[in-house]
């Protein structure tokens, strides 16, 4: 059934209630069969075999309720969270807004989640490691809003979730936890990454870092250098933006992070900036304003090995990842490529 037929039902609800309804429906979906690796699209990134490059970004499945099922929609990997050590209610409602005229979303959720312990128990029951028939599942970790020591919160996240994750993402880029983005400053980032890598110890769980799109050139250089110095396994570019390009929606004045179509150019430019500095020394994951195969292809050509999406699902429906994967193969064939690795960074 076409998503366009029942999208009005979702849009009749406020955005957060519709979000919870979609999670509830997916929980009723039978567990899908393992997703076969696509010979043209599969890659090994950071030691992980990704069956295709299209992932679900953090923020949709905050609690790990349906991450183990999302490959049934065509996702090559899913990132659950953001999770904080202690349960957190997040910011007051309403805090999630559809900007329909702009095909965008503004959120100021504030890391609402039930905490690491509850999620760890849930994930452990459903865990089936990637490579053994299970989907690739990453876990996004953050700090509590009122934490006295935010770096200690990330260390707690690593020690708790590393045994359960195919990779961990250190999220320092949400605009909805006051002061969190200050961890992107070089001195603070060195301290954070040093602590995170020490907490991982000799374990093999890859560590990814997720950064904001609202960066100055010096910030990009500092973050790139810190990632190399601390041997981060991949860089996710980027989270939502606090900037406000021209928007048509009457909800444009809501505070929070902006995602969706208005983020496309900014996040693509930031990806290009990091690729220019890093070259092929560090895998990049492109996120922000990706809703078509053409946009995903542009991220790959700019240097991303993988891409993630979330807001586009609101407007394009749950089977968007399948359409993007099919579209990527058509674009590759058009340009004479037989494998996705031939595309990555070709425009850089």
C-alpha atoms as a PDB file:
ATOM      1  CA  UNK A   1       0.000   0.000   0.000  1.00  0.00           C
ATOM      2  CA  UNK A   2       1.300   3.443  -0.908  1.00  0.00           C
ATOM      3  CA  UNK A   3       2.425   5.613   1.996  1.00  0.00           C
ATOM      4  CA  UNK A   4       0.592   8.553   0.405  1.00  0.00           C
ATOM      5  CA  UNK A   5      -2.715   6.858   1.234  1.00  0.00           C
ATOM      6  CA  UNK A   6      -2.223   6.760   4.997  1.00  0.00           C
ATOM      7  CA  UNK A   7       0.174   9.679   5.476  1.00  0.00           C
ATOM      8  CA  UNK A   8      -2.804  12.006   6.169  1.00  0.00           C
ATOM      9  CA  UNK A   9      -3.671   9.798   9.150  1.00  0.00           C
ATOM     10  CA  UNK A  10      -0.223  10.347  10.638  1.00  0.00           C
ATOM     11  CA  UNK A  11      -0.275  14.052   9.815  1.00  0.00           C
ATOM     12  CA  UNK A  12      -3.627  14.417  11.596  1.00  0.00           C
ATOM     13  CA  UNK A  13      -1.754  13.611  14.823  1.00  0.00           C
ATOM     14  CA  UNK A  14       0.804  15.880  16.424  1.00  0.00           C
ATOM     15  CA  UNK A  15       4.324  14.913  15.375  1.00  0.00           C
ATOM     16  CA  UNK A  16       5.425  13.184  18.578  1.00  0.00           C
ATOM     17  CA  UNK A  17       2.248  11.118  18.860  1.00  0.00           C
ATOM     18  CA  UNK A  18       2.603  10.058  15.230  1.00  0.00           C
ATOM     19  CA  UNK A  19       6.188   9.063  15.960  1.00  0.00           C
ATOM     20  CA  UNK A  20       5.091   6.813  18.823  1.00  0.00           C
ATOM     21  CA  UNK A  21       2.362   5.301  16.638  1.00  0.00           C
ATOM     22  CA  UNK A  22       4.901   4.382  13.959  1.00  0.00           C
ATOM     23  CA  UNK A  23       7.081   2.678  16.577  1.00  0.00           C
ATOM     24  CA  UNK A  24       4.063   0.757  17.875  1.00  0.00           C
ATOM     25  CA  UNK A  25       3.184  -0.454  14.374  1.00  0.00           C
ATOM     26  CA  UNK A  26       6.741  -1.579  13.711  1.00  0.00           C
ATOM     27  CA  UNK A  27       6.781  -3.501  16.985  1.00  0.00           C
ATOM     28  CA  UNK A  28       3.856  -5.511  15.620  1.00  0.00           C
ATOM     29  CA  UNK A  29       5.766  -6.331  12.446  1.00  0.00           C
ATOM     30  CA  UNK A  30       7.219  -9.865  12.397  1.00  0.00           C
ATOM     31  CA  UNK A  31      10.994 -10.016  12.635  1.00  0.00           C
ATOM     32  CA  UNK A  32      12.256  -9.946   9.057  1.00  0.00           C
ATOM     33  CA  UNK A  33      14.676 -12.407   7.525  1.00  0.00           C
ATOM     34  CA  UNK A  34      18.347 -11.374   7.511  1.00  0.00           C
ATOM     35  CA  UNK A  35      19.116  -8.724   4.911  1.00  0.00           C
ATOM     36  CA  UNK A  36      21.314 -10.084   2.151  1.00  0.00           C
ATOM     37  CA  UNK A  37      24.411  -8.123   1.311  1.00  0.00           C
ATOM     38  CA  UNK A  38      24.080  -6.451  -2.079  1.00  0.00           C
ATOM     39  CA  UNK A  39      27.165  -7.311  -4.107  1.00  0.00           C
ATOM     40  CA  UNK A  40      27.258  -3.836  -5.653  1.00  0.00           C
ATOM     41  CA  UNK A  41      26.565  -1.895  -2.449  1.00  0.00           C
ATOM     42  CA  UNK A  42      28.104  -3.902   0.400  1.00  0.00           C
ATOM     43  CA  UNK A  43      31.211  -2.516   2.119  1.00  0.00           C
ATOM     44  CA  UNK A  44      33.427  -3.199   5.098  1.00  0.00           C
ATOM     45  CA  UNK A  45      33.769   0.021   7.072  1.00  0.00           C
ATOM     46  CA  UNK A  46      35.610   0.152  10.397  1.00  0.00           C
ATOM     47  CA  UNK A  47      35.702  -3.632  10.413  1.00  0.00           C
ATOM     48  CA  UNK A  48      31.921  -3.941  10.031  1.00  0.00           C
ATOM     49  CA  UNK A  49      30.235  -5.558   7.035  1.00  0.00           C
ATOM     50  CA  UNK A  50      27.462  -3.211   5.910  1.00  0.00           C
ATOM     51  CA  UNK A  51      25.067  -4.930   3.459  1.00  0.00           C
ATOM     52  CA  UNK A  52      24.168  -1.577   1.892  1.00  0.00           C
ATOM     53  CA  UNK A  53      25.075   2.066   2.639  1.00  0.00           C
ATOM     54  CA  UNK A  54      21.679   3.392   3.782  1.00  0.00           C
ATOM     55  CA  UNK A  55      21.272   3.661   7.554  1.00  0.00           C
ATOM     56  CA  UNK A  56      18.648   4.935   9.968  1.00  0.00           C
ATOM     57  CA  UNK A  57      19.986   7.880  11.955  1.00  0.00           C
ATOM     58  CA  UNK A  58      19.752   8.107  15.735  1.00  0.00           C
ATOM     59  CA  UNK A  59      16.675   9.789  17.157  1.00  0.00           C
ATOM     60  CA  UNK A  60      13.980   7.602  15.686  1.00  0.00           C
ATOM     61  CA  UNK A  61      14.395   4.483  17.828  1.00  0.00           C
ATOM     62  CA  UNK A  62      15.603   6.109  21.027  1.00  0.00           C
ATOM     63  CA  UNK A  63      15.006   3.083  23.253  1.00  0.00           C
ATOM     64  CA  UNK A  64      16.032   0.190  21.015  1.00  0.00           C
ATOM     65  CA  UNK A  65      12.478  -1.023  20.528  1.00  0.00           C
ATOM     66  CA  UNK A  66      12.615  -1.750  16.787  1.00  0.00           C
ATOM     67  CA  UNK A  67      16.269  -1.418  15.747  1.00  0.00           C
ATOM     68  CA  UNK A  68      16.468  -5.175  15.228  1.00  0.00           C
ATOM     69  CA  UNK A  69      13.650  -4.996  12.652  1.00  0.00           C
ATOM     70  CA  UNK A  70      14.564  -1.962  10.550  1.00  0.00           C
ATOM     71  CA  UNK A  71      16.509  -3.964   7.965  1.00  0.00           C
ATOM     72  CA  UNK A  72      13.092  -5.231   6.884  1.00  0.00           C
ATOM     73  CA  UNK A  73      12.517  -1.759   5.422  1.00  0.00           C
ATOM     74  CA  UNK A  74      15.785  -1.913   3.499  1.00  0.00           C
ATOM     75  CA  UNK A  75      18.147  -0.226   5.950  1.00  0.00           C
ATOM     76  CA  UNK A  76      21.674  -1.572   5.883  1.00  0.00           C
ATOM     77  CA  UNK A  77      22.176  -0.490   9.474  1.00  0.00           C
ATOM     78  CA  UNK A  78      20.315   1.203  12.318  1.00  0.00           C
ATOM     79  CA  UNK A  79      21.555   3.523  15.041  1.00  0.00           C
ATOM     80  CA  UNK A  80      19.477   3.577  18.215  1.00  0.00           C
ATOM     81  CA  UNK A  81      19.529   6.236  20.947  1.00  0.00           C
ATOM     82  CA  UNK A  82      20.608   8.750  22.052  1.00  0.00           C
ATOM     83  CA  UNK A  83      20.951   7.008  25.428  1.00  0.00           C
ATOM     84  CA  UNK A  84      22.063   8.687  28.644  1.00  0.00           C
ATOM     85  CA  UNK A  85      23.198   6.991  31.873  1.00  0.00           C
ATOM     86  CA  UNK A  86      20.129   8.035  33.859  1.00  0.00           C
ATOM     87  CA  UNK A  87      16.540   8.145  32.575  1.00  0.00           C
ATOM     88  CA  UNK A  88      15.638  11.596  31.288  1.00  0.00           C
ATOM     89  CA  UNK A  89      12.247  13.111  30.482  1.00  0.00           C
ATOM     90  CA  UNK A  90      13.614  15.571  27.970  1.00  0.00           C
ATOM     91  CA  UNK A  91      12.216  19.007  27.275  1.00  0.00           C
ATOM     92  CA  UNK A  92       8.564  20.020  27.787  1.00  0.00           C
ATOM     93  CA  UNK A  93       6.066  19.183  25.050  1.00  0.00           C
ATOM     94  CA  UNK A  94       5.385  20.167  22.350  1.00  0.00           C
ATOM     95  CA  UNK A  95       8.956  19.604  21.204  1.00  0.00           C
ATOM     96  CA  UNK A  96       8.678  18.037  17.746  1.00  0.00           C
ATOM     97  CA  UNK A  97       7.306  19.960  14.768  1.00  0.00           C
ATOM     98  CA  UNK A  98       6.683  19.173  11.104  1.00  0.00           C
ATOM     99  CA  UNK A  99       7.441  22.036   8.729  1.00  0.00           C
ATOM    100  CA  UNK A 100       5.394  20.578   5.902  1.00  0.00           C
ATOM    101  CA  UNK A 101       5.896  23.465   3.483  1.00  0.00           C
ATOM    102  CA  UNK A 102       9.669  23.031   3.830  1.00  0.00           C
ATOM    103  CA  UNK A 103       9.738  19.219   4.065  1.00  0.00           C
ATOM    104  CA  UNK A 104      11.579  19.732   7.330  1.00  0.00           C
ATOM    105  CA  UNK A 105      11.407  18.956  11.044  1.00  0.00           C
ATOM    106  CA  UNK A 106      12.369  20.967  14.111  1.00  0.00           C
ATOM    107  CA  UNK A 107      12.991  19.079  17.329  1.00  0.00           C
ATOM    108  CA  UNK A 108      14.010  20.070  20.829  1.00  0.00           C
ATOM    109  CA  UNK A 109      13.535  16.646  22.382  1.00  0.00           C
ATOM    110  CA  UNK A 110      16.422  16.916  24.833  1.00  0.00           C
ATOM    111  CA  UNK A 111      17.708  13.311  24.909  1.00  0.00           C
ATOM    112  CA  UNK A 112      14.455  11.883  26.286  1.00  0.00           C
ATOM    113  CA  UNK A 113      15.088   8.205  27.030  1.00  0.00           C
ATOM    114  CA  UNK A 114      14.729   5.540  29.702  1.00  0.00           C
ATOM    115  CA  UNK A 115      18.436   5.310  30.487  1.00  0.00           C
ATOM    116  CA  UNK A 116      21.255   2.925  29.708  1.00  0.00           C
ATOM    117  CA  UNK A 117      20.273   0.089  32.035  1.00  0.00           C
ATOM    118  CA  UNK A 118      16.794  -0.406  30.608  1.00  0.00           C
ATOM    119  CA  UNK A 119      18.046  -0.184  27.022  1.00  0.00           C
ATOM    120  CA  UNK A 120      20.944  -2.561  27.685  1.00  0.00           C
ATOM    121  CA  UNK A 121      18.580  -5.235  28.984  1.00  0.00           C
ATOM    122  CA  UNK A 122      16.297  -4.784  25.990  1.00  0.00           C
ATOM    123  CA  UNK A 123      19.108  -4.842  23.416  1.00  0.00           C
ATOM    124  CA  UNK A 124      20.766  -7.868  25.015  1.00  0.00           C
ATOM    125  CA  UNK A 125      17.591  -9.930  24.593  1.00  0.00           C
ATOM    126  CA  UNK A 126      17.396  -9.127  20.886  1.00  0.00           C
ATOM    127  CA  UNK A 127      21.048  -8.984  19.974  1.00  0.00           C
ATOM    128  CA  UNK A 128      22.112 -11.118  17.047  1.00  0.00           C
ATOM    129  CA  UNK A 129      25.564  -9.931  15.990  1.00  0.00           C
ATOM    130  CA  UNK A 130      26.031  -8.597  12.481  1.00  0.00           C
ATOM    131  CA  UNK A 131      27.738 -11.232  10.385  1.00  0.00           C
ATOM    132  CA  UNK A 132      25.815 -13.967  12.214  1.00  0.00           C
ATOM    133  CA  UNK A 133      22.490 -13.207  10.567  1.00  0.00           C
ATOM    134  CA  UNK A 134      21.651 -10.100  12.552  1.00  0.00           C
ATOM    135  CA  UNK A 135      21.318  -6.494  11.373  1.00  0.00           C
ATOM    136  CA  UNK A 136      24.078  -3.954  11.943  1.00  0.00           C
ATOM    137  CA  UNK A 137      23.068  -1.958  15.035  1.00  0.00           C
ATOM    138  CA  UNK A 138      24.944   1.042  16.363  1.00  0.00           C
ATOM    139  CA  UNK A 139      24.247   2.688  19.714  1.00  0.00           C
ATOM    140  CA  UNK A 140      24.373   6.458  20.131  1.00  0.00           C
ATOM    141  CA  UNK A 141      25.427   7.671  23.593  1.00  0.00           C
ATOM    142  CA  UNK A 142      25.158  11.077  25.262  1.00  0.00           C
ATOM    143  CA  UNK A 143      25.294  12.858  28.599  1.00  0.00           C
ATOM    144  CA  UNK A 144      22.500  13.717  31.001  1.00  0.00           C
ATOM    145  CA  UNK A 145      21.460  17.352  31.019  1.00  0.00           C
ATOM    146  CA  UNK A 146      22.258  17.800  34.728  1.00  0.00           C
ATOM    147  CA  UNK A 147      25.427  15.677  34.792  1.00  0.00           C
ATOM    148  CA  UNK A 148      28.169  17.081  36.994  1.00  0.00           C
ATOM    149  CA  UNK A 149      30.769  15.357  34.797  1.00  0.00           C
ATOM    150  CA  UNK A 150      29.624  14.869  31.221  1.00  0.00           C
ATOM    151  CA  UNK A 151      32.753  13.055  30.158  1.00  0.00           C
ATOM    152  CA  UNK A 152      32.081  10.502  32.904  1.00  0.00           C
ATOM    153  CA  UNK A 153      28.614  10.001  31.412  1.00  0.00           C
ATOM    154  CA  UNK A 154      30.138   9.089  28.050  1.00  0.00           C
ATOM    155  CA  UNK A 155      32.550   6.698  29.749  1.00  0.00           C
ATOM    156  CA  UNK A 156      29.567   5.046  31.435  1.00  0.00           C
ATOM    157  CA  UNK A 157      27.874   4.751  28.058  1.00  0.00           C
ATOM    158  CA  UNK A 158      30.919   3.077  26.534  1.00  0.00           C
ATOM    159  CA  UNK A 159      31.419   0.561  29.321  1.00  0.00           C
ATOM    160  CA  UNK A 160      27.717  -0.323  29.422  1.00  0.00           C
ATOM    161  CA  UNK A 161      26.926  -0.551  25.713  1.00  0.00           C
ATOM    162  CA  UNK A 162      30.168  -1.547  23.964  1.00  0.00           C
ATOM    163  CA  UNK A 163      29.526  -5.286  24.468  1.00  0.00           C
ATOM    164  CA  UNK A 164      26.073  -4.910  22.862  1.00  0.00           C
ATOM    165  CA  UNK A 165      26.811  -2.665  19.879  1.00  0.00           C
ATOM    166  CA  UNK A 166      28.308  -3.208  16.444  1.00  0.00           C
ATOM    167  CA  UNK A 167      29.565   0.360  16.868  1.00  0.00           C
ATOM    168  CA  UNK A 168      29.135   3.223  19.329  1.00  0.00           C
ATOM    169  CA  UNK A 169      28.487   6.839  18.369  1.00  0.00           C
ATOM    170  CA  UNK A 170      29.653   9.599  20.695  1.00  0.00           C
ATOM    171  CA  UNK A 171      27.060  12.331  20.184  1.00  0.00           C
ATOM    172  CA  UNK A 172      28.398  15.791  21.051  1.00  0.00           C
ATOM    173  CA  UNK A 173      26.337  17.636  18.482  1.00  0.00           C
ATOM    174  CA  UNK A 174      22.767  17.892  19.755  1.00  0.00           C
ATOM    175  CA  UNK A 175      21.682  21.523  20.146  1.00  0.00           C
ATOM    176  CA  UNK A 176      19.044  20.571  22.725  1.00  0.00           C
ATOM    177  CA  UNK A 177      21.296  19.858  25.716  1.00  0.00           C
ATOM    178  CA  UNK A 178      22.762  23.188  26.874  1.00  0.00           C
ATOM    179  CA  UNK A 179      26.540  23.304  26.590  1.00  0.00           C
ATOM    180  CA  UNK A 180      26.888  19.908  24.913  1.00  0.00           C
ATOM    181  CA  UNK A 181      28.325  21.299  21.690  1.00  0.00           C
ATOM    182  CA  UNK A 182      31.155  22.884  23.690  1.00  0.00           C
ATOM    183  CA  UNK A 183      32.653  19.392  23.731  1.00  0.00           C
ATOM    184  CA  UNK A 184      33.522  19.977  20.061  1.00  0.00           C
ATOM    185  CA  UNK A 185      36.202  22.480  21.157  1.00  0.00           C
ATOM    186  CA  UNK A 186      39.669  20.993  20.715  1.00  0.00           C
ATOM    187  CA  UNK A 187      40.793  20.799  24.360  1.00  0.00           C
ATOM    188  CA  UNK A 188      37.461  19.387  25.539  1.00  0.00           C
ATOM    189  CA  UNK A 189      37.302  16.990  22.604  1.00  0.00           C
ATOM    190  CA  UNK A 190      40.803  15.672  23.328  1.00  0.00           C
ATOM    191  CA  UNK A 191      39.805  15.029  26.926  1.00  0.00           C
ATOM    192  CA  UNK A 192      36.553  13.344  25.916  1.00  0.00           C
ATOM    193  CA  UNK A 193      38.022  11.119  23.217  1.00  0.00           C
ATOM    194  CA  UNK A 194      40.936  10.159  25.428  1.00  0.00           C
ATOM    195  CA  UNK A 195      38.532   9.020  28.129  1.00  0.00           C
ATOM    196  CA  UNK A 196      36.240   7.221  25.671  1.00  0.00           C
ATOM    197  CA  UNK A 197      39.077   5.321  24.024  1.00  0.00           C
ATOM    198  CA  UNK A 198      40.520   4.373  27.405  1.00  0.00           C
ATOM    199  CA  UNK A 199      37.096   3.087  28.476  1.00  0.00           C
ATOM    200  CA  UNK A 200      36.852   0.956  25.348  1.00  0.00           C
ATOM    201  CA  UNK A 201      40.251  -0.488  26.244  1.00  0.00           C
ATOM    202  CA  UNK A 202      41.322  -3.417  24.152  1.00  0.00           C
ATOM    203  CA  UNK A 203      37.796  -4.100  22.981  1.00  0.00           C
ATOM    204  CA  UNK A 204      37.102  -3.986  19.268  1.00  0.00           C
ATOM    205  CA  UNK A 205      33.845  -2.028  19.258  1.00  0.00           C
ATOM    206  CA  UNK A 206      34.373   0.810  16.748  1.00  0.00           C
ATOM    207  CA  UNK A 207      33.870   4.351  18.022  1.00  0.00           C
ATOM    208  CA  UNK A 208      32.205   6.918  15.751  1.00  0.00           C
ATOM    209  CA  UNK A 209      31.925  10.654  16.490  1.00  0.00           C
ATOM    210  CA  UNK A 210      28.866  12.710  15.476  1.00  0.00           C
ATOM    211  CA  UNK A 211      29.362  16.434  14.921  1.00  0.00           C
ATOM    212  CA  UNK A 212      27.212  19.452  14.150  1.00  0.00           C
ATOM    213  CA  UNK A 213      26.969  21.184  10.773  1.00  0.00           C
ATOM    214  CA  UNK A 214      27.358  24.598  12.427  1.00  0.00           C
ATOM    215  CA  UNK A 215      31.161  24.673  12.400  1.00  0.00           C
ATOM    216  CA  UNK A 216      33.764  27.230  11.436  1.00  0.00           C
ATOM    217  CA  UNK A 217      36.775  26.202   9.309  1.00  0.00           C
ATOM    218  CA  UNK A 218      39.017  26.121  12.375  1.00  0.00           C
ATOM    219  CA  UNK A 219      36.523  23.828  14.115  1.00  0.00           C
ATOM    220  CA  UNK A 220      36.593  21.420  11.202  1.00  0.00           C
ATOM    221  CA  UNK A 221      40.385  21.295  11.275  1.00  0.00           C
ATOM    222  CA  UNK A 222      40.490  20.746  15.047  1.00  0.00           C
ATOM    223  CA  UNK A 223      37.867  17.994  14.987  1.00  0.00           C
ATOM    224  CA  UNK A 224      39.575  16.234  12.084  1.00  0.00           C
ATOM    225  CA  UNK A 225      42.934  16.345  13.878  1.00  0.00           C
ATOM    226  CA  UNK A 226      41.432  15.068  17.130  1.00  0.00           C
ATOM    227  CA  UNK A 227      39.752  12.159  15.340  1.00  0.00           C
ATOM    228  CA  UNK A 228      43.041  11.114  13.787  1.00  0.00           C
ATOM    229  CA  UNK A 229      45.023  11.602  16.998  1.00  0.00           C
ATOM    230  CA  UNK A 230      42.627   9.444  19.008  1.00  0.00           C
ATOM    231  CA  UNK A 231      42.040   6.914  16.228  1.00  0.00           C
ATOM    232  CA  UNK A 232      38.286   7.402  15.977  1.00  0.00           C
ATOM    233  CA  UNK A 233      36.872   4.825  13.574  1.00  0.00           C
ATOM    234  CA  UNK A 234      34.447   7.042  11.611  1.00  0.00           C
ATOM    235  CA  UNK A 235      32.975  10.543  11.611  1.00  0.00           C
ATOM    236  CA  UNK A 236      29.248  11.227  11.208  1.00  0.00           C
ATOM    237  CA  UNK A 237      28.555  14.534   9.430  1.00  0.00           C
ATOM    238  CA  UNK A 238      26.181  15.920  10.610  1.00  0.00           C
ATOM    239  CA  UNK A 239      23.473  16.490  13.219  1.00  0.00           C
ATOM    240  CA  UNK A 240      20.664  19.074  13.046  1.00  0.00           C
ATOM    241  CA  UNK A 241      21.384  22.773  12.590  1.00  0.00           C
ATOM    242  CA  UNK A 242      20.556  25.750  14.784  1.00  0.00           C
ATOM    243  CA  UNK A 243      20.793  28.033  11.747  1.00  0.00           C
ATOM    244  CA  UNK A 244      17.633  29.102   9.961  1.00  0.00           C
ATOM    245  CA  UNK A 245      17.733  29.397   6.183  1.00  0.00           C
ATOM    246  CA  UNK A 246      14.658  30.986   4.606  1.00  0.00           C
ATOM    247  CA  UNK A 247      11.645  28.847   5.543  1.00  0.00           C
ATOM    248  CA  UNK A 248       7.972  29.047   4.568  1.00  0.00           C
ATOM    249  CA  UNK A 249       6.337  27.176   7.420  1.00  0.00           C
ATOM    250  CA  UNK A 250       4.554  29.125  10.162  1.00  0.00           C
ATOM    251  CA  UNK A 251       6.442  26.896  12.618  1.00  0.00           C
ATOM    252  CA  UNK A 252       9.825  28.141  11.417  1.00  0.00           C
ATOM    253  CA  UNK A 253      10.302  30.201  14.572  1.00  0.00           C
ATOM    254  CA  UNK A 254      10.276  27.179  16.897  1.00  0.00           C
ATOM    255  CA  UNK A 255      13.553  26.642  18.730  1.00  0.00           C
ATOM    256  CA  UNK A 256      15.553  23.448  18.367  1.00  0.00           C
ATOM    257  CA  UNK A 257      17.478  21.582  15.711  1.00  0.00           C
ATOM    258  CA  UNK A 258      16.339  21.849  12.106  1.00  0.00           C
ATOM    259  CA  UNK A 259      16.514  18.768   9.874  1.00  0.00           C
ATOM    260  CA  UNK A 260      15.163  17.703   6.520  1.00  0.00           C
ATOM    261  CA  UNK A 261      15.381  19.396   3.133  1.00  0.00           C
ATOM    262  CA  UNK A 262      16.733  22.789   4.330  1.00  0.00           C
ATOM    263  CA  UNK A 263      19.788  21.009   5.781  1.00  0.00           C
ATOM    264  CA  UNK A 264      20.846  19.384   2.486  1.00  0.00           C
ATOM    265  CA  UNK A 265      23.323  21.975   1.237  1.00  0.00           C
ATOM    266  CA  UNK A 266      24.846  22.780   4.630  1.00  0.00           C
ATOM    267  CA  UNK A 267      25.479  19.165   5.599  1.00  0.00           C
ATOM    268  CA  UNK A 268      26.874  18.373   2.142  1.00  0.00           C
ATOM    269  CA  UNK A 269      29.273  21.300   2.382  1.00  0.00           C
ATOM    270  CA  UNK A 270      30.435  20.241   5.813  1.00  0.00           C
ATOM    271  CA  UNK A 271      31.053  16.741   4.504  1.00  0.00           C
ATOM    272  CA  UNK A 272      33.165  18.201   1.707  1.00  0.00           C
ATOM    273  CA  UNK A 273      35.129  20.237   4.247  1.00  0.00           C
ATOM    274  CA  UNK A 274      36.011  17.167   6.294  1.00  0.00           C
ATOM    275  CA  UNK A 275      36.867  15.130   3.198  1.00  0.00           C
ATOM    276  CA  UNK A 276      39.187  17.877   1.981  1.00  0.00           C
ATOM    277  CA  UNK A 277      41.152  17.728   5.231  1.00  0.00           C
ATOM    278  CA  UNK A 278      40.952  14.015   5.962  1.00  0.00           C
ATOM    279  CA  UNK A 279      41.084  12.534   2.496  1.00  0.00           C
ATOM    280  CA  UNK A 280      40.523   8.793   2.763  1.00  0.00           C
ATOM    281  CA  UNK A 281      42.196   8.468   6.176  1.00  0.00           C
ATOM    282  CA  UNK A 282      38.899   8.327   8.058  1.00  0.00           C
ATOM    283  CA  UNK A 283      35.529   6.950   6.885  1.00  0.00           C
ATOM    284  CA  UNK A 284      32.780   9.567   6.719  1.00  0.00           C
ATOM    285  CA  UNK A 285      29.035   9.050   7.126  1.00  0.00           C
ATOM    286  CA  UNK A 286      26.828  11.651   5.469  1.00  0.00           C
ATOM    287  CA  UNK A 287      23.625  12.726   7.219  1.00  0.00           C
ATOM    288  CA  UNK A 288      21.190  15.607   6.815  1.00  0.00           C
ATOM    289  CA  UNK A 289      18.607  16.416   4.176  1.00  0.00           C
ATOM    290  CA  UNK A 290      18.898  13.163   2.219  1.00  0.00           C
ATOM    291  CA  UNK A 291      15.581  12.163   0.650  1.00  0.00           C
ATOM    292  CA  UNK A 292      16.478  10.825  -2.814  1.00  0.00           C
ATOM    293  CA  UNK A 293      18.967   8.490  -4.448  1.00  0.00           C
ATOM    294  CA  UNK A 294      20.488  11.491  -6.196  1.00  0.00           C
ATOM    295  CA  UNK A 295      21.163  13.213  -2.888  1.00  0.00           C
ATOM    296  CA  UNK A 296      22.626  10.033  -1.403  1.00  0.00           C
ATOM    297  CA  UNK A 297      24.811   9.619  -4.490  1.00  0.00           C
ATOM    298  CA  UNK A 298      26.093  13.180  -4.092  1.00  0.00           C
ATOM    299  CA  UNK A 299      27.194  12.374  -0.510  1.00  0.00           C
ATOM    300  CA  UNK A 300      29.017   9.285  -1.702  1.00  0.00           C
ATOM    301  CA  UNK A 301      30.748  11.201  -4.467  1.00  0.00           C
ATOM    302  CA  UNK A 302      31.706  13.888  -1.936  1.00  0.00           C
ATOM    303  CA  UNK A 303      33.426  11.328   0.283  1.00  0.00           C
ATOM    304  CA  UNK A 304      30.835   9.545   2.430  1.00  0.00           C
ATOM    305  CA  UNK A 305      31.119   5.770   2.606  1.00  0.00           C
ATOM    306  CA  UNK A 306      27.685   5.468   4.231  1.00  0.00           C
ATOM    307  CA  UNK A 307      24.648   7.706   4.622  1.00  0.00           C
ATOM    308  CA  UNK A 308      21.896   8.006   7.209  1.00  0.00           C
ATOM    309  CA  UNK A 309      18.406   9.480   7.085  1.00  0.00           C
ATOM    310  CA  UNK A 310      15.459  10.055   9.378  1.00  0.00           C
ATOM    311  CA  UNK A 311      13.370  13.182   8.678  1.00  0.00           C
ATOM    312  CA  UNK A 312      12.810  12.165   5.060  1.00  0.00           C
ATOM    313  CA  UNK A 313      10.846   9.136   6.259  1.00  0.00           C
ATOM    314  CA  UNK A 314       8.165  11.507   7.553  1.00  0.00           C
ATOM    315  CA  UNK A 315       7.475  12.728   4.041  1.00  0.00           C
ATOM    316  CA  UNK A 316       8.584   9.813   1.839  1.00  0.00           C
ATOM    317  CA  UNK A 317       7.450   6.790   3.859  1.00  0.00           C
ATOM    318  CA  UNK A 318       9.073   3.727   5.412  1.00  0.00           C
ATOM    319  CA  UNK A 319      10.335   2.095   2.235  1.00  0.00           C
ATOM    320  CA  UNK A 320      12.492   5.046   1.208  1.00  0.00           C
ATOM    321  CA  UNK A 321      15.745   3.129   1.935  1.00  0.00           C
ATOM    322  CA  UNK A 322      14.800   0.429  -0.576  1.00  0.00           C
ATOM    323  CA  UNK A 323      14.120   3.074  -3.213  1.00  0.00           C
ATOM    324  CA  UNK A 324      17.404   4.844  -2.493  1.00  0.00           C
ATOM    325  CA  UNK A 325      19.401   1.620  -2.757  1.00  0.00           C
ATOM    326  CA  UNK A 326      17.768   0.787  -6.066  1.00  0.00           C
ATOM    327  CA  UNK A 327      18.377   4.320  -7.283  1.00  0.00           C
ATOM    328  CA  UNK A 328      22.040   4.201  -6.286  1.00  0.00           C
ATOM    329  CA  UNK A 329      22.541   1.115  -8.424  1.00  0.00           C
ATOM    330  CA  UNK A 330      20.906   2.832 -11.391  1.00  0.00           C
ATOM    331  CA  UNK A 331      23.113   5.895 -10.980  1.00  0.00           C
ATOM    332  CA  UNK A 332      26.226   3.744 -10.656  1.00  0.00           C
ATOM    333  CA  UNK A 333      25.336   1.834 -13.815  1.00  0.00           C
ATOM    334  CA  UNK A 334      24.718   5.110 -15.648  1.00  0.00           C
ATOM    335  CA  UNK A 335      28.198   6.312 -14.714  1.00  0.00           C
ATOM    336  CA  UNK A 336      29.956   3.025 -15.420  1.00  0.00           C
ATOM    337  CA  UNK A 337      30.604   1.936 -11.818  1.00  0.00           C
ATOM    338  CA  UNK A 338      30.200  -1.658 -10.728  1.00  0.00           C
ATOM    339  CA  UNK A 339      30.793  -1.222  -6.989  1.00  0.00           C
ATOM    340  CA  UNK A 340      30.019   1.549  -4.533  1.00  0.00           C
ATOM    341  CA  UNK A 341      33.649   1.833  -3.451  1.00  0.00           C
ATOM    342  CA  UNK A 342      34.422   3.258  -6.901  1.00  0.00           C
ATOM    343  CA  UNK A 343      32.046   6.167  -6.198  1.00  0.00           C
ATOM    344  CA  UNK A 344      33.215   7.218  -2.725  1.00  0.00           C
ATOM    345  CA  UNK A 345      35.105  10.508  -2.892  1.00  0.00           C
ATOM    346  CA  UNK A 346      35.312  10.672  -6.665  1.00  0.00           C
ATOM    347  CA  UNK A 347      34.378  14.364  -6.629  1.00  0.00           C
ATOM    348  CA  UNK A 348      36.723  15.230  -3.752  1.00  0.00           C
END
